[in-house]
N, C-alpha and C. Protein backbone atom coordinates (compact mmCIF):
# COMPACT_ATOMS: atom_id res chain seq x y z
N MET A 1 -13.65 122.85 175.44
CA MET A 1 -13.15 123.72 176.48
C MET A 1 -11.82 124.32 176.01
N THR A 2 -11.64 125.59 176.28
CA THR A 2 -10.39 126.23 175.90
C THR A 2 -9.69 126.77 177.12
N LEU A 3 -8.39 126.88 177.00
CA LEU A 3 -7.58 127.46 178.06
C LEU A 3 -6.71 128.50 177.39
N LYS A 4 -6.98 129.78 177.68
CA LYS A 4 -6.25 130.88 177.04
C LYS A 4 -6.28 130.76 175.53
N GLY A 5 -7.43 130.42 174.99
CA GLY A 5 -7.59 130.38 173.56
C GLY A 5 -7.08 129.12 172.87
N VAL A 6 -6.60 128.13 173.62
CA VAL A 6 -6.10 126.89 173.02
C VAL A 6 -7.14 125.81 173.21
N ALA A 7 -7.54 125.17 172.15
CA ALA A 7 -8.55 124.11 172.22
C ALA A 7 -8.00 122.92 172.98
N ARG A 8 -8.86 122.29 173.74
CA ARG A 8 -8.49 121.08 174.48
C ARG A 8 -8.24 119.96 173.48
N GLN A 9 -7.13 119.23 173.66
CA GLN A 9 -6.82 118.11 172.78
C GLN A 9 -7.39 116.82 173.34
N ASP A 10 -7.66 115.88 172.47
CA ASP A 10 -8.12 114.56 172.88
C ASP A 10 -6.92 113.79 173.41
N VAL A 11 -6.81 113.66 174.74
CA VAL A 11 -5.66 113.03 175.38
C VAL A 11 -5.48 111.60 174.90
N ALA A 12 -6.54 110.82 174.84
CA ALA A 12 -6.42 109.41 174.43
C ALA A 12 -5.89 109.29 173.01
N ALA A 13 -6.33 110.13 172.12
CA ALA A 13 -5.89 110.04 170.73
C ALA A 13 -4.44 110.47 170.56
N ASN A 14 -3.93 111.30 171.48
CA ASN A 14 -2.57 111.81 171.35
C ASN A 14 -1.59 111.17 172.33
N SER A 15 -2.03 110.21 173.11
CA SER A 15 -1.12 109.59 174.09
C SER A 15 -0.18 108.62 173.39
N VAL A 16 0.97 108.45 174.00
CA VAL A 16 2.01 107.56 173.46
C VAL A 16 2.36 106.55 174.53
N THR A 17 2.35 105.28 174.20
CA THR A 17 2.74 104.26 175.17
C THR A 17 4.25 104.19 175.23
N MET A 18 4.79 103.58 176.30
CA MET A 18 6.24 103.49 176.46
C MET A 18 6.86 102.61 175.39
N THR A 19 6.10 101.69 174.82
CA THR A 19 6.67 100.87 173.75
C THR A 19 6.86 101.69 172.49
N GLU A 20 6.10 102.82 172.36
CA GLU A 20 6.25 103.70 171.21
C GLU A 20 7.19 104.86 171.50
N ALA A 21 7.30 105.29 172.75
CA ALA A 21 8.13 106.43 173.11
C ALA A 21 9.61 106.05 173.04
N PRO A 22 10.44 107.01 172.65
CA PRO A 22 11.88 106.71 172.56
C PRO A 22 12.51 106.55 173.94
N ARG A 23 13.37 105.54 174.06
CA ARG A 23 14.12 105.37 175.30
C ARG A 23 15.51 105.98 175.18
N SER A 24 15.98 106.18 173.96
CA SER A 24 17.21 106.94 173.73
C SER A 24 16.81 108.35 173.34
N TYR A 25 17.43 109.32 173.97
CA TYR A 25 17.12 110.73 173.78
C TYR A 25 15.62 110.99 174.02
N PRO A 26 15.13 110.58 175.21
CA PRO A 26 13.69 110.74 175.50
C PRO A 26 13.35 112.22 175.73
N PRO A 27 12.09 112.57 175.51
CA PRO A 27 11.68 113.95 175.74
C PRO A 27 11.54 114.28 177.24
N ARG A 28 11.46 113.25 178.08
CA ARG A 28 11.35 113.44 179.53
C ARG A 28 11.85 112.17 180.21
N PRO A 29 12.09 112.22 181.53
CA PRO A 29 12.53 111.01 182.24
C PRO A 29 11.50 109.88 182.10
N ILE A 30 11.99 108.67 182.12
CA ILE A 30 11.15 107.47 181.99
C ILE A 30 11.06 106.81 183.37
N LEU A 31 9.84 106.52 183.81
CA LEU A 31 9.60 105.89 185.10
C LEU A 31 9.69 104.37 184.96
N ALA A 32 10.44 103.75 185.85
CA ALA A 32 10.60 102.30 185.85
C ALA A 32 10.51 101.79 187.29
N ALA A 33 10.37 100.47 187.43
CA ALA A 33 10.33 99.84 188.75
C ALA A 33 11.14 98.56 188.71
N SER A 34 11.87 98.29 189.80
CA SER A 34 12.63 97.06 189.90
C SER A 34 12.51 96.53 191.33
N ILE A 35 13.03 95.31 191.52
CA ILE A 35 12.93 94.71 192.85
C ILE A 35 14.16 93.86 193.16
N ALA A 36 14.63 94.01 194.39
CA ALA A 36 15.68 93.14 194.92
C ALA A 36 14.96 91.95 195.54
N LEU A 37 14.96 90.83 194.81
CA LEU A 37 14.27 89.61 195.27
C LEU A 37 15.24 88.73 196.03
N PHE A 38 14.85 88.34 197.23
CA PHE A 38 15.72 87.51 198.06
C PHE A 38 15.10 86.14 198.29
N ARG A 39 15.99 85.16 198.39
CA ARG A 39 15.61 83.80 198.75
C ARG A 39 16.81 83.18 199.46
N HIS A 40 16.59 82.70 200.68
CA HIS A 40 17.66 82.07 201.47
C HIS A 40 18.90 82.96 201.56
N GLY A 41 18.69 84.28 201.71
CA GLY A 41 19.79 85.21 201.88
C GLY A 41 20.48 85.66 200.60
N LYS A 42 20.04 85.14 199.47
CA LYS A 42 20.66 85.51 198.19
C LYS A 42 19.70 86.36 197.36
N VAL A 43 20.26 87.21 196.51
CA VAL A 43 19.47 88.12 195.69
C VAL A 43 19.50 87.65 194.24
N LEU A 44 18.37 87.79 193.56
CA LEU A 44 18.27 87.38 192.15
C LEU A 44 18.79 88.49 191.25
N LEU A 45 19.78 88.14 190.42
CA LEU A 45 20.34 89.06 189.44
C LEU A 45 20.21 88.46 188.05
N GLY A 46 19.91 89.31 187.09
CA GLY A 46 19.81 88.88 185.70
C GLY A 46 20.90 89.55 184.87
N GLU A 47 21.51 88.77 183.99
CA GLU A 47 22.52 89.31 183.09
C GLU A 47 21.81 89.84 181.85
N ARG A 48 21.96 91.11 181.57
CA ARG A 48 21.24 91.76 180.48
C ARG A 48 21.69 91.24 179.12
N ALA A 49 20.73 90.96 178.26
CA ALA A 49 21.01 90.44 176.92
C ALA A 49 21.14 91.55 175.88
N ARG A 50 20.65 92.75 176.22
CA ARG A 50 20.63 93.84 175.24
C ARG A 50 21.24 95.12 175.81
N ALA A 51 21.64 95.99 174.90
CA ALA A 51 22.11 97.31 175.30
C ALA A 51 20.90 98.14 175.76
N PRO A 52 21.05 99.10 176.62
CA PRO A 52 22.32 99.41 177.27
C PRO A 52 22.60 98.44 178.41
N GLY A 53 23.82 98.27 178.72
CA GLY A 53 24.18 97.40 179.83
C GLY A 53 24.28 95.93 179.48
N GLN A 54 24.39 95.60 178.21
CA GLN A 54 24.50 94.20 177.81
C GLN A 54 25.68 93.56 178.54
N GLY A 55 25.43 92.38 179.14
CA GLY A 55 26.47 91.67 179.87
C GLY A 55 26.59 92.06 181.33
N LEU A 56 25.90 93.11 181.76
CA LEU A 56 25.92 93.53 183.16
C LEU A 56 24.78 92.87 183.91
N PHE A 57 24.99 92.65 185.19
CA PHE A 57 23.93 92.08 186.03
C PHE A 57 23.13 93.21 186.66
N SER A 58 21.81 93.01 186.73
CA SER A 58 20.91 93.99 187.32
C SER A 58 19.72 93.28 187.96
N LEU A 59 18.88 94.06 188.61
CA LEU A 59 17.67 93.53 189.21
C LEU A 59 16.59 93.39 188.15
N PRO A 60 15.66 92.46 188.33
CA PRO A 60 14.53 92.39 187.40
C PRO A 60 13.65 93.63 187.55
N GLY A 61 13.08 94.06 186.43
CA GLY A 61 12.20 95.21 186.45
C GLY A 61 12.09 95.82 185.07
N GLY A 62 11.39 96.93 184.99
CA GLY A 62 11.22 97.58 183.70
C GLY A 62 10.33 98.80 183.79
N VAL A 63 9.90 99.27 182.64
CA VAL A 63 9.15 100.51 182.50
C VAL A 63 7.71 100.37 182.99
N VAL A 64 7.25 101.40 183.68
CA VAL A 64 5.87 101.48 184.16
C VAL A 64 5.00 101.94 182.99
N GLU A 65 3.91 101.22 182.77
CA GLU A 65 2.97 101.58 181.71
C GLU A 65 1.93 102.57 182.22
N LEU A 66 1.35 103.33 181.34
CA LEU A 66 0.33 104.31 181.68
C LEU A 66 -0.82 103.64 182.43
N GLY A 67 -1.20 104.20 183.57
CA GLY A 67 -2.31 103.68 184.37
C GLY A 67 -1.93 102.55 185.31
N GLU A 68 -0.66 102.16 185.32
CA GLU A 68 -0.19 101.05 186.14
C GLU A 68 0.48 101.60 187.40
N THR A 69 0.19 101.00 188.55
CA THR A 69 0.89 101.39 189.77
C THR A 69 2.32 100.86 189.73
N LEU A 70 3.17 101.42 190.57
CA LEU A 70 4.56 100.95 190.63
C LEU A 70 4.63 99.48 191.03
N GLU A 71 3.83 99.10 192.03
CA GLU A 71 3.85 97.69 192.47
C GLU A 71 3.32 96.77 191.38
N ALA A 72 2.27 97.17 190.69
CA ALA A 72 1.75 96.34 189.60
C ALA A 72 2.78 96.22 188.48
N ALA A 73 3.50 97.29 188.22
CA ALA A 73 4.52 97.27 187.16
C ALA A 73 5.65 96.31 187.51
N VAL A 74 6.11 96.34 188.76
CA VAL A 74 7.23 95.45 189.12
C VAL A 74 6.77 93.99 189.12
N ARG A 75 5.55 93.74 189.55
CA ARG A 75 5.03 92.36 189.50
C ARG A 75 4.94 91.86 188.05
N ARG A 76 4.41 92.71 187.16
CA ARG A 76 4.29 92.33 185.74
C ARG A 76 5.67 92.11 185.11
N GLU A 77 6.57 93.02 185.35
CA GLU A 77 7.91 92.91 184.76
C GLU A 77 8.62 91.64 185.24
N VAL A 78 8.52 91.35 186.53
CA VAL A 78 9.17 90.13 187.06
C VAL A 78 8.53 88.89 186.44
N ARG A 79 7.21 88.89 186.34
CA ARG A 79 6.52 87.75 185.73
C ARG A 79 6.97 87.57 184.27
N GLU A 80 7.05 88.69 183.50
CA GLU A 80 7.46 88.62 182.11
C GLU A 80 8.92 88.20 181.95
N GLU A 81 9.79 88.73 182.80
CA GLU A 81 11.22 88.47 182.66
C GLU A 81 11.66 87.13 183.24
N THR A 82 10.97 86.67 184.29
CA THR A 82 11.45 85.49 185.02
C THR A 82 10.43 84.37 185.16
N GLY A 83 9.14 84.70 185.05
CA GLY A 83 8.09 83.73 185.31
C GLY A 83 7.78 83.55 186.78
N LEU A 84 8.45 84.29 187.65
CA LEU A 84 8.27 84.15 189.10
C LEU A 84 7.14 85.03 189.62
N GLU A 85 6.47 84.54 190.65
CA GLU A 85 5.52 85.34 191.41
C GLU A 85 6.27 85.84 192.64
N ILE A 86 5.96 87.06 193.07
CA ILE A 86 6.75 87.68 194.13
C ILE A 86 5.88 88.20 195.25
N GLU A 87 6.52 88.40 196.39
CA GLU A 87 5.93 89.08 197.54
C GLU A 87 6.73 90.35 197.75
N ILE A 88 6.11 91.51 197.59
CA ILE A 88 6.78 92.78 197.83
C ILE A 88 6.69 93.07 199.33
N THR A 89 7.85 93.32 199.96
CA THR A 89 7.86 93.57 201.40
C THR A 89 8.18 95.00 201.77
N GLY A 90 8.65 95.80 200.80
CA GLY A 90 8.95 97.19 201.13
C GLY A 90 9.48 97.97 199.94
N PHE A 91 9.58 99.28 200.15
CA PHE A 91 10.14 100.18 199.16
C PHE A 91 11.53 100.59 199.64
N VAL A 92 12.53 100.40 198.80
CA VAL A 92 13.91 100.71 199.19
C VAL A 92 14.21 102.18 198.96
N ARG A 93 14.11 102.64 197.71
CA ARG A 93 14.39 104.03 197.37
C ARG A 93 14.22 104.21 195.86
N HIS A 94 14.39 105.42 195.41
CA HIS A 94 14.44 105.63 193.96
C HIS A 94 15.91 105.67 193.53
N HIS A 95 16.14 105.34 192.28
CA HIS A 95 17.49 105.35 191.71
C HIS A 95 17.41 106.03 190.35
N GLU A 96 18.28 107.00 190.13
CA GLU A 96 18.26 107.71 188.86
C GLU A 96 19.39 107.24 187.97
N VAL A 97 19.07 107.00 186.72
CA VAL A 97 20.06 106.62 185.71
C VAL A 97 20.02 107.70 184.64
N ILE A 98 21.08 108.48 184.56
CA ILE A 98 21.18 109.54 183.56
C ILE A 98 22.48 109.33 182.81
N ALA A 99 22.36 109.12 181.51
CA ALA A 99 23.54 108.92 180.66
C ALA A 99 23.57 110.01 179.60
N ARG A 100 24.73 110.58 179.42
CA ARG A 100 24.90 111.64 178.41
C ARG A 100 25.82 111.14 177.30
N ASP A 101 25.61 111.66 176.12
CA ASP A 101 26.45 111.28 174.99
C ASP A 101 27.71 112.16 174.97
N GLY A 102 28.51 112.03 173.93
CA GLY A 102 29.78 112.73 173.83
C GLY A 102 29.69 114.25 173.81
N VAL A 103 28.55 114.79 173.42
CA VAL A 103 28.39 116.25 173.41
C VAL A 103 27.58 116.76 174.59
N GLY A 104 27.22 115.86 175.51
CA GLY A 104 26.52 116.26 176.72
C GLY A 104 25.01 116.18 176.68
N ALA A 105 24.45 115.76 175.56
CA ALA A 105 22.99 115.61 175.48
C ALA A 105 22.55 114.39 176.29
N VAL A 106 21.37 114.47 176.90
CA VAL A 106 20.85 113.34 177.68
C VAL A 106 20.43 112.24 176.72
N GLN A 107 21.15 111.13 176.79
CA GLN A 107 20.86 109.98 175.92
C GLN A 107 19.81 109.07 176.56
N ARG A 108 19.91 108.90 177.88
CA ARG A 108 18.94 108.09 178.62
C ARG A 108 18.70 108.74 179.99
N HIS A 109 17.47 108.68 180.45
CA HIS A 109 17.14 109.19 181.78
C HIS A 109 15.99 108.37 182.33
N PHE A 110 16.32 107.51 183.30
CA PHE A 110 15.33 106.66 183.96
C PHE A 110 15.27 107.03 185.43
N VAL A 111 14.09 107.04 185.99
CA VAL A 111 13.88 107.13 187.43
C VAL A 111 13.26 105.80 187.82
N VAL A 112 14.01 105.04 188.63
CA VAL A 112 13.61 103.67 188.97
C VAL A 112 13.18 103.60 190.43
N ALA A 113 11.96 103.13 190.65
CA ALA A 113 11.47 102.86 192.00
C ALA A 113 11.90 101.44 192.36
N VAL A 114 12.73 101.32 193.40
CA VAL A 114 13.29 100.02 193.76
C VAL A 114 12.59 99.47 195.00
N PHE A 115 12.06 98.26 194.85
CA PHE A 115 11.39 97.56 195.94
C PHE A 115 12.27 96.43 196.45
N VAL A 116 11.88 95.86 197.58
CA VAL A 116 12.52 94.65 198.11
C VAL A 116 11.42 93.63 198.33
N GLY A 117 11.75 92.36 198.14
CA GLY A 117 10.75 91.32 198.32
C GLY A 117 11.35 89.94 198.30
N ARG A 118 10.45 88.96 198.24
CA ARG A 118 10.86 87.55 198.26
C ARG A 118 10.17 86.79 197.13
N SER A 119 10.82 85.73 196.74
CA SER A 119 10.23 84.77 195.82
C SER A 119 10.47 83.41 196.45
N ALA A 120 9.40 82.77 196.87
CA ALA A 120 9.52 81.56 197.68
C ALA A 120 9.79 80.29 196.89
N GLN A 121 9.34 80.23 195.65
CA GLN A 121 9.49 78.96 194.93
C GLN A 121 9.70 79.19 193.45
N GLY A 122 10.20 78.15 192.80
CA GLY A 122 10.43 78.20 191.36
C GLY A 122 11.78 78.80 191.02
N GLU A 123 12.21 78.54 189.83
CA GLU A 123 13.46 79.12 189.33
C GLU A 123 13.14 80.03 188.17
N PRO A 124 13.90 81.12 188.03
CA PRO A 124 13.62 82.04 186.93
C PRO A 124 13.89 81.38 185.58
N ARG A 125 13.07 81.73 184.61
CA ARG A 125 13.28 81.24 183.24
C ARG A 125 13.81 82.39 182.41
N LEU A 126 14.64 82.06 181.44
CA LEU A 126 15.23 83.08 180.59
C LEU A 126 14.19 83.68 179.65
N SER A 127 14.41 84.92 179.29
CA SER A 127 13.59 85.61 178.30
C SER A 127 14.54 86.29 177.32
N GLU A 128 13.98 86.99 176.34
CA GLU A 128 14.85 87.67 175.37
C GLU A 128 15.63 88.80 176.02
N GLU A 129 15.28 89.17 177.25
CA GLU A 129 15.94 90.27 177.94
C GLU A 129 17.13 89.83 178.79
N THR A 130 17.23 88.51 179.06
CA THR A 130 18.28 88.04 179.97
C THR A 130 19.09 86.88 179.38
N LEU A 131 20.41 86.96 179.58
CA LEU A 131 21.31 85.89 179.15
C LEU A 131 21.40 84.79 180.20
N SER A 132 21.34 85.19 181.48
CA SER A 132 21.43 84.23 182.58
C SER A 132 20.87 84.87 183.85
N PHE A 133 20.57 84.02 184.82
CA PHE A 133 20.17 84.46 186.15
C PHE A 133 21.07 83.79 187.16
N ARG A 134 21.21 84.43 188.30
CA ARG A 134 21.89 83.78 189.42
C ARG A 134 21.38 84.35 190.73
N TRP A 135 21.30 83.45 191.70
CA TRP A 135 21.01 83.85 193.07
C TRP A 135 22.37 84.15 193.68
N ALA A 136 22.67 85.42 193.91
CA ALA A 136 24.00 85.86 194.31
C ALA A 136 24.05 86.22 195.79
N ASP A 137 25.18 85.93 196.40
CA ASP A 137 25.45 86.33 197.77
C ASP A 137 25.70 87.83 197.76
N PRO A 138 24.90 88.61 198.48
CA PRO A 138 25.08 90.07 198.45
C PRO A 138 26.45 90.55 198.91
N SER A 139 27.16 89.74 199.70
CA SER A 139 28.47 90.16 200.18
C SER A 139 29.58 89.93 199.15
N THR A 140 29.28 89.26 198.03
CA THR A 140 30.31 88.98 197.02
C THR A 140 29.95 89.55 195.65
N LEU A 141 29.18 90.62 195.62
CA LEU A 141 28.77 91.20 194.36
C LEU A 141 29.92 91.87 193.60
N ASP A 142 31.01 92.19 194.30
CA ASP A 142 32.15 92.83 193.65
C ASP A 142 32.77 91.97 192.56
N ASP A 143 32.51 90.66 192.60
CA ASP A 143 33.07 89.74 191.61
C ASP A 143 32.29 89.74 190.30
N LEU A 144 31.16 90.45 190.25
CA LEU A 144 30.30 90.45 189.06
C LEU A 144 30.28 91.82 188.38
N PRO A 145 30.12 91.85 187.06
CA PRO A 145 29.91 93.14 186.38
C PRO A 145 28.47 93.61 186.64
N LEU A 146 28.34 94.73 187.33
CA LEU A 146 27.02 95.21 187.78
C LEU A 146 26.67 96.55 187.14
N THR A 147 25.37 96.82 187.05
CA THR A 147 24.93 98.15 186.65
C THR A 147 25.30 99.13 187.77
N ASP A 148 25.47 100.40 187.40
CA ASP A 148 25.89 101.42 188.36
C ASP A 148 24.96 101.48 189.56
N GLY A 149 25.57 101.49 190.75
CA GLY A 149 24.82 101.64 191.98
C GLY A 149 24.15 100.39 192.51
N LEU A 150 24.28 99.28 191.79
CA LEU A 150 23.53 98.07 192.19
C LEU A 150 23.97 97.52 193.54
N ALA A 151 25.27 97.50 193.82
CA ALA A 151 25.75 96.95 195.10
C ALA A 151 25.15 97.72 196.27
N ASP A 152 25.10 99.05 196.18
CA ASP A 152 24.52 99.87 197.26
C ASP A 152 23.02 99.63 197.40
N ILE A 153 22.33 99.47 196.27
CA ILE A 153 20.89 99.22 196.31
C ILE A 153 20.61 97.87 196.99
N VAL A 154 21.36 96.84 196.61
CA VAL A 154 21.17 95.52 197.21
C VAL A 154 21.47 95.57 198.70
N ALA A 155 22.52 96.29 199.11
CA ALA A 155 22.85 96.39 200.53
C ALA A 155 21.72 97.07 201.31
N ALA A 156 21.16 98.14 200.75
CA ALA A 156 20.04 98.83 201.40
C ALA A 156 18.82 97.93 201.49
N ALA A 157 18.54 97.18 200.41
CA ALA A 157 17.40 96.26 200.41
C ALA A 157 17.59 95.16 201.44
N ARG A 158 18.79 94.62 201.52
CA ARG A 158 19.08 93.53 202.47
C ARG A 158 18.85 93.98 203.91
N ARG A 159 19.18 95.23 204.23
CA ARG A 159 18.98 95.74 205.59
C ARG A 159 17.50 95.83 205.94
N MET A 160 16.63 95.86 204.94
CA MET A 160 15.19 95.99 205.19
C MET A 160 14.51 94.64 205.47
N LEU A 161 15.21 93.55 205.22
CA LEU A 161 14.59 92.23 205.43
C LEU A 161 14.52 91.88 206.90
């Protein structure tokens, strides 16, 4: 089949998975999903082991794979990063992360779908992505080094419980 004289390409043969696509200087925004997990009024935060954001605390989550729903992606990412099973109770909002380099070029651009939920049992286990985990009191997040916008996201998620 042609469209204006251009032959149709084999999509499967030319597709690129997120593990192959560049995350620095990407050709387009990268879709990700994360979750504010609560237990006994506290939220689970992970200290990032790698750049960008090494040493900062953030919510568990990661990149959505081709053919994966947002909810399936956040469940998989949490399972991979923490070993926890979760209950998703709602959608909080989207969060955009756009970082530019010294000359103004887009170095990173993520659009993150943020959910809220609970994890009833078990403790998170460390992975190569996290230095530590903590169940943090949402009212005292100012004492921690956080990724941009995290305190507002946690506050919005907490209001949904």
